[in-house]
Amino acid sequence: MRINKYIYKLSNLIRKMGIDFHENDNPQVIAMKREIEKLGKIEFKIEQYPDGSWTAESTNLDGIITGGTNTQDISATIKDAVFTYFEIPPHLCVDSLLRRDNEPVTMRQNVYA
């Protein structure tokens, strides 16, 4: 799993240098975008626990569940879970694939005290 994180970061660095991986032409990416388009959006229920840990589970797409101990990483961790669910190779993972232009990000969460 750690190797994927390094491939992801290296790929983003290479993109900044002007190299295009043509992720929008990849069949897996096309299939993912079609599925998300059918759903309208992927929604998550996020629960945060007293010890600071959290879990996020998709409410409209079975099989996506993730979590962590650092709430600052929630967005990145959820995006990683979505890319993993759709089996997108790490060098093709670009945040813009999961959002349309100017699409707001809304998060609902349950906090237990």
N, C-alpha and C. Protein backbone atom coordinates (compact mmCIF):
# COMPACT_ATOMS: atom_id res chain seq x y z
N MET A 1 0.81 -1.21 0.00
CA MET A 1 0.00 0.00 0.00
C MET A 1 0.85 1.27 0.00
N ARG A 2 1.95 1.25 0.72
CA ARG A 2 2.80 2.43 0.80
C ARG A 2 3.38 2.79 -0.55
N ILE A 3 3.70 1.79 -1.35
CA ILE A 3 4.27 2.04 -2.68
C ILE A 3 3.27 2.82 -3.53
N ASN A 4 1.97 2.53 -3.40
CA ASN A 4 0.96 3.27 -4.16
C ASN A 4 0.95 4.75 -3.80
N LYS A 5 1.17 5.05 -2.51
CA LYS A 5 1.21 6.44 -2.07
C LYS A 5 2.37 7.18 -2.74
N TYR A 6 3.50 6.52 -2.84
CA TYR A 6 4.66 7.15 -3.47
C TYR A 6 4.46 7.31 -4.99
N ILE A 7 3.84 6.32 -5.60
CA ILE A 7 3.55 6.42 -7.04
C ILE A 7 2.58 7.58 -7.29
N TYR A 8 1.56 7.70 -6.44
CA TYR A 8 0.58 8.79 -6.54
C TYR A 8 1.28 10.15 -6.44
N LYS A 9 2.12 10.31 -5.42
CA LYS A 9 2.80 11.59 -5.22
C LYS A 9 3.78 11.89 -6.35
N LEU A 10 4.52 10.89 -6.79
CA LEU A 10 5.47 11.07 -7.90
C LEU A 10 4.72 11.44 -9.18
N SER A 11 3.61 10.79 -9.43
CA SER A 11 2.81 11.09 -10.64
C SER A 11 2.31 12.52 -10.63
N ASN A 12 1.86 13.00 -9.47
CA ASN A 12 1.39 14.39 -9.38
C ASN A 12 2.54 15.37 -9.60
N LEU A 13 3.72 15.04 -9.12
CA LEU A 13 4.89 15.87 -9.35
C LEU A 13 5.23 15.91 -10.84
N ILE A 14 5.18 14.76 -11.50
CA ILE A 14 5.47 14.68 -12.93
C ILE A 14 4.43 15.47 -13.73
N ARG A 15 3.16 15.42 -13.30
CA ARG A 15 2.11 16.20 -13.96
C ARG A 15 2.43 17.70 -13.92
N LYS A 16 2.94 18.15 -12.77
CA LYS A 16 3.28 19.57 -12.63
C LYS A 16 4.38 19.98 -13.59
N MET A 17 5.18 19.01 -14.03
CA MET A 17 6.25 19.28 -14.98
C MET A 17 5.75 19.21 -16.42
N GLY A 18 4.44 18.94 -16.60
CA GLY A 18 3.87 18.98 -17.93
C GLY A 18 3.62 17.63 -18.59
N ILE A 19 3.90 16.55 -17.91
CA ILE A 19 3.67 15.22 -18.49
C ILE A 19 2.20 14.84 -18.27
N ASP A 20 1.56 14.36 -19.31
CA ASP A 20 0.15 13.96 -19.26
C ASP A 20 0.04 12.44 -19.29
N PHE A 21 -0.65 11.87 -18.31
CA PHE A 21 -0.86 10.43 -18.26
C PHE A 21 -2.13 9.99 -19.00
N HIS A 22 -2.86 10.93 -19.54
CA HIS A 22 -4.09 10.66 -20.30
C HIS A 22 -5.07 9.81 -19.49
N GLU A 23 -5.22 10.16 -18.22
CA GLU A 23 -6.11 9.39 -17.35
C GLU A 23 -7.55 9.38 -17.83
N ASN A 24 -7.99 10.43 -18.49
CA ASN A 24 -9.38 10.48 -18.97
C ASN A 24 -9.65 9.50 -20.10
N ASP A 25 -8.61 8.94 -20.71
CA ASP A 25 -8.77 7.96 -21.78
C ASP A 25 -8.69 6.52 -21.28
N ASN A 26 -8.38 6.34 -20.00
CA ASN A 26 -8.23 5.01 -19.43
C ASN A 26 -9.61 4.35 -19.25
N PRO A 27 -9.79 3.10 -19.70
CA PRO A 27 -11.09 2.42 -19.58
C PRO A 27 -11.60 2.32 -18.14
N GLN A 28 -10.71 2.12 -17.17
CA GLN A 28 -11.14 2.04 -15.77
C GLN A 28 -11.66 3.39 -15.28
N VAL A 29 -10.98 4.45 -15.67
CA VAL A 29 -11.40 5.80 -15.28
C VAL A 29 -12.74 6.13 -15.94
N ILE A 30 -12.88 5.79 -17.20
CA ILE A 30 -14.15 6.03 -17.91
C ILE A 30 -15.29 5.30 -17.23
N ALA A 31 -15.07 4.04 -16.86
CA ALA A 31 -16.11 3.25 -16.17
C ALA A 31 -16.45 3.87 -14.81
N MET A 32 -15.43 4.33 -14.08
CA MET A 32 -15.67 4.97 -12.78
C MET A 32 -16.51 6.23 -12.96
N LYS A 33 -16.14 7.07 -13.91
CA LYS A 33 -16.87 8.31 -14.13
C LYS A 33 -18.32 8.05 -14.54
N ARG A 34 -18.53 7.02 -15.35
CA ARG A 34 -19.91 6.65 -15.74
C ARG A 34 -20.74 6.23 -14.53
N GLU A 35 -20.14 5.42 -13.67
CA GLU A 35 -20.85 4.95 -12.48
C GLU A 35 -21.18 6.11 -11.54
N ILE A 36 -20.24 7.01 -11.35
CA ILE A 36 -20.48 8.17 -10.50
C ILE A 36 -21.54 9.07 -11.12
N GLU A 37 -21.50 9.21 -12.43
CA GLU A 37 -22.51 10.02 -13.12
C GLU A 37 -23.91 9.43 -12.92
N LYS A 38 -24.02 8.10 -12.97
CA LYS A 38 -25.32 7.45 -12.75
C LYS A 38 -25.84 7.73 -11.34
N LEU A 39 -24.93 7.69 -10.37
CA LEU A 39 -25.31 7.93 -8.97
C LEU A 39 -25.61 9.40 -8.70
N GLY A 40 -25.01 10.28 -9.48
CA GLY A 40 -25.11 11.71 -9.22
C GLY A 40 -23.95 12.18 -8.36
N LYS A 41 -23.66 11.43 -7.31
CA LYS A 41 -22.52 11.68 -6.43
C LYS A 41 -22.39 10.49 -5.48
N ILE A 42 -21.23 10.37 -4.90
CA ILE A 42 -21.02 9.34 -3.89
C ILE A 42 -21.14 10.01 -2.54
N GLU A 43 -22.05 9.51 -1.73
CA GLU A 43 -22.29 10.10 -0.41
C GLU A 43 -21.67 9.22 0.67
N PHE A 44 -21.19 9.85 1.73
CA PHE A 44 -20.57 9.15 2.84
C PHE A 44 -21.19 9.57 4.16
N LYS A 45 -21.31 8.60 5.05
CA LYS A 45 -21.66 8.86 6.44
C LYS A 45 -20.34 8.79 7.21
N ILE A 46 -19.99 9.87 7.87
CA ILE A 46 -18.73 9.94 8.60
C ILE A 46 -19.05 9.96 10.09
N GLU A 47 -18.42 9.07 10.82
CA GLU A 47 -18.59 9.02 12.26
C GLU A 47 -17.25 9.28 12.92
N GLN A 48 -17.25 10.17 13.89
CA GLN A 48 -16.04 10.49 14.62
C GLN A 48 -16.23 10.03 16.06
N TYR A 49 -15.18 9.45 16.62
CA TYR A 49 -15.25 8.86 17.94
C TYR A 49 -14.44 9.68 18.95
N PRO A 50 -14.73 9.50 20.25
CA PRO A 50 -14.07 10.30 21.29
C PRO A 50 -12.54 10.24 21.25
N ASP A 51 -11.97 9.12 20.80
CA ASP A 51 -10.51 9.01 20.76
C ASP A 51 -9.91 9.73 19.56
N GLY A 52 -10.75 10.37 18.74
CA GLY A 52 -10.26 11.11 17.58
C GLY A 52 -10.30 10.31 16.29
N SER A 53 -10.54 9.02 16.38
CA SER A 53 -10.62 8.20 15.17
C SER A 53 -11.95 8.45 14.47
N TRP A 54 -12.03 8.01 13.23
CA TRP A 54 -13.23 8.23 12.44
C TRP A 54 -13.40 7.11 11.42
N THR A 55 -14.61 6.93 10.96
CA THR A 55 -14.91 6.01 9.88
C THR A 55 -15.81 6.73 8.88
N ALA A 56 -15.68 6.34 7.63
CA ALA A 56 -16.53 6.88 6.57
C ALA A 56 -17.01 5.71 5.73
N GLU A 57 -18.32 5.63 5.53
CA GLU A 57 -18.90 4.56 4.74
C GLU A 57 -19.85 5.17 3.72
N SER A 58 -19.73 4.72 2.48
CA SER A 58 -20.61 5.23 1.44
C SER A 58 -22.03 4.77 1.74
N THR A 59 -22.96 5.71 1.60
CA THR A 59 -24.37 5.39 1.85
C THR A 59 -25.11 5.01 0.57
N ASN A 60 -24.49 5.24 -0.59
CA ASN A 60 -25.19 4.92 -1.83
C ASN A 60 -24.37 4.05 -2.78
N LEU A 61 -23.23 3.56 -2.32
CA LEU A 61 -22.42 2.65 -3.13
C LEU A 61 -21.80 1.62 -2.19
N ASP A 62 -22.36 0.42 -2.19
CA ASP A 62 -21.90 -0.61 -1.27
C ASP A 62 -20.45 -0.97 -1.50
N GLY A 63 -19.71 -1.09 -0.40
CA GLY A 63 -18.34 -1.58 -0.48
C GLY A 63 -17.26 -0.55 -0.27
N ILE A 64 -17.63 0.72 -0.09
CA ILE A 64 -16.60 1.72 0.17
C ILE A 64 -16.68 2.10 1.64
N ILE A 65 -15.66 1.72 2.37
CA ILE A 65 -15.56 2.08 3.79
C ILE A 65 -14.09 2.34 4.09
N THR A 66 -13.84 3.36 4.88
CA THR A 66 -12.47 3.72 5.22
C THR A 66 -12.48 4.39 6.58
N GLY A 67 -11.33 4.77 7.06
CA GLY A 67 -11.25 5.43 8.34
C GLY A 67 -9.83 5.83 8.66
N GLY A 68 -9.68 6.43 9.81
CA GLY A 68 -8.34 6.86 10.21
C GLY A 68 -8.35 7.44 11.60
N THR A 69 -7.20 7.97 11.98
CA THR A 69 -7.05 8.56 13.30
C THR A 69 -6.83 10.05 13.23
N ASN A 70 -6.63 10.60 12.04
CA ASN A 70 -6.34 12.01 11.86
C ASN A 70 -7.45 12.64 11.02
N THR A 71 -8.22 13.53 11.61
CA THR A 71 -9.34 14.13 10.88
C THR A 71 -8.89 15.07 9.77
N GLN A 72 -7.64 15.48 9.77
CA GLN A 72 -7.14 16.35 8.70
C GLN A 72 -7.02 15.61 7.38
N ASP A 73 -6.98 14.29 7.43
CA ASP A 73 -6.79 13.48 6.23
C ASP A 73 -8.08 12.85 5.70
N ILE A 74 -9.23 13.27 6.22
CA ILE A 74 -10.49 12.63 5.84
C ILE A 74 -10.72 12.70 4.33
N SER A 75 -10.61 13.86 3.74
CA SER A 75 -10.88 14.02 2.31
C SER A 75 -9.95 13.15 1.46
N ALA A 76 -8.67 13.20 1.73
CA ALA A 76 -7.70 12.42 0.96
C ALA A 76 -7.92 10.92 1.14
N THR A 77 -8.26 10.52 2.35
CA THR A 77 -8.48 9.09 2.63
C THR A 77 -9.73 8.58 1.92
N ILE A 78 -10.77 9.39 1.89
CA ILE A 78 -12.00 9.01 1.18
C ILE A 78 -11.75 8.91 -0.32
N LYS A 79 -11.03 9.88 -0.87
CA LYS A 79 -10.70 9.83 -2.30
C LYS A 79 -9.90 8.57 -2.62
N ASP A 80 -8.94 8.24 -1.77
CA ASP A 80 -8.16 7.02 -1.96
C ASP A 80 -9.06 5.79 -1.94
N ALA A 81 -10.02 5.76 -1.03
CA ALA A 81 -10.95 4.62 -0.95
C ALA A 81 -11.78 4.49 -2.22
N VAL A 82 -12.22 5.61 -2.77
CA VAL A 82 -13.01 5.59 -4.01
C VAL A 82 -12.15 5.08 -5.16
N PHE A 83 -10.94 5.60 -5.31
CA PHE A 83 -10.06 5.13 -6.37
C PHE A 83 -9.75 3.64 -6.21
N THR A 84 -9.54 3.20 -4.98
CA THR A 84 -9.27 1.78 -4.72
C THR A 84 -10.47 0.92 -5.09
N TYR A 85 -11.67 1.37 -4.73
CA TYR A 85 -12.90 0.64 -5.04
C TYR A 85 -13.03 0.41 -6.54
N PHE A 86 -12.71 1.43 -7.32
CA PHE A 86 -12.82 1.33 -8.78
C PHE A 86 -11.55 0.79 -9.44
N GLU A 87 -10.58 0.40 -8.63
CA GLU A 87 -9.32 -0.19 -9.10
C GLU A 87 -8.57 0.71 -10.07
N ILE A 88 -8.52 1.99 -9.74
CA ILE A 88 -7.79 2.95 -10.55
C ILE A 88 -6.31 2.88 -10.14
N PRO A 89 -5.41 2.67 -11.09
CA PRO A 89 -3.98 2.63 -10.76
C PRO A 89 -3.53 3.96 -10.15
N PRO A 90 -2.60 3.93 -9.19
CA PRO A 90 -2.21 5.15 -8.48
C PRO A 90 -1.67 6.26 -9.37
N HIS A 91 -1.05 5.92 -10.48
CA HIS A 91 -0.51 6.99 -11.35
C HIS A 91 -1.62 7.73 -12.11
N LEU A 92 -2.83 7.18 -12.10
CA LEU A 92 -3.96 7.84 -12.78
C LEU A 92 -4.89 8.56 -11.80
N CYS A 93 -4.62 8.48 -10.51
CA CYS A 93 -5.48 9.09 -9.50
C CYS A 93 -5.25 10.59 -9.43
N VAL A 94 -6.25 11.31 -9.90
CA VAL A 94 -6.21 12.77 -9.89
C VAL A 94 -7.51 13.23 -9.25
N ASP A 95 -7.41 14.11 -8.26
CA ASP A 95 -8.60 14.56 -7.53
C ASP A 95 -9.70 15.07 -8.44
N SER A 96 -9.32 15.74 -9.52
CA SER A 96 -10.32 16.32 -10.42
C SER A 96 -11.20 15.25 -11.08
N LEU A 97 -10.79 14.00 -11.07
CA LEU A 97 -11.61 12.94 -11.64
C LEU A 97 -12.85 12.68 -10.79
N LEU A 98 -12.80 13.07 -9.53
CA LEU A 98 -13.91 12.80 -8.62
C LEU A 98 -14.84 13.99 -8.42
N ARG A 99 -14.51 15.13 -9.00
CA ARG A 99 -15.36 16.31 -8.86
C ARG A 99 -15.45 17.04 -10.18
N ARG A 100 -16.62 17.57 -10.43
CA ARG A 100 -16.79 18.44 -11.59
C ARG A 100 -16.38 19.85 -11.20
N ASP A 101 -16.17 20.71 -12.17
CA ASP A 101 -15.79 22.09 -11.89
C ASP A 101 -16.81 22.76 -10.98
N ASN A 102 -16.30 23.42 -9.96
CA ASN A 102 -17.11 24.20 -9.02
C ASN A 102 -18.13 23.38 -8.24
N GLU A 103 -17.99 22.07 -8.23
CA GLU A 103 -18.91 21.23 -7.46
C GLU A 103 -18.54 21.33 -5.99
N PRO A 104 -19.51 21.68 -5.14
CA PRO A 104 -19.19 21.80 -3.71
C PRO A 104 -18.98 20.43 -3.07
N VAL A 105 -18.18 20.41 -2.04
CA VAL A 105 -17.98 19.21 -1.25
C VAL A 105 -18.78 19.40 0.03
N THR A 106 -19.71 18.51 0.29
CA THR A 106 -20.48 18.60 1.52
C THR A 106 -20.22 17.34 2.32
N MET A 107 -20.08 17.53 3.62
CA MET A 107 -19.80 16.41 4.49
C MET A 107 -20.80 16.42 5.63
N ARG A 108 -21.39 15.25 5.88
CA ARG A 108 -22.23 15.07 7.05
C ARG A 108 -21.48 14.16 7.98
N GLN A 109 -21.45 14.46 9.25
CA GLN A 109 -20.78 13.56 10.16
C GLN A 109 -21.52 13.47 11.48
N ASN A 110 -21.40 12.31 12.10
CA ASN A 110 -21.94 12.08 13.42
C ASN A 110 -20.77 12.12 14.39
N VAL A 111 -20.91 12.90 15.44
CA VAL A 111 -19.88 12.99 16.46
C VAL A 111 -20.44 12.44 17.75
N TYR A 112 -19.73 11.47 18.31
CA TYR A 112 -20.19 10.85 19.55
C TYR A 112 -19.38 11.39 20.71
N ALA A 113 -20.08 11.84 21.73
CA ALA A 113 -19.38 12.38 22.91
C ALA A 113 -19.69 11.55 24.12
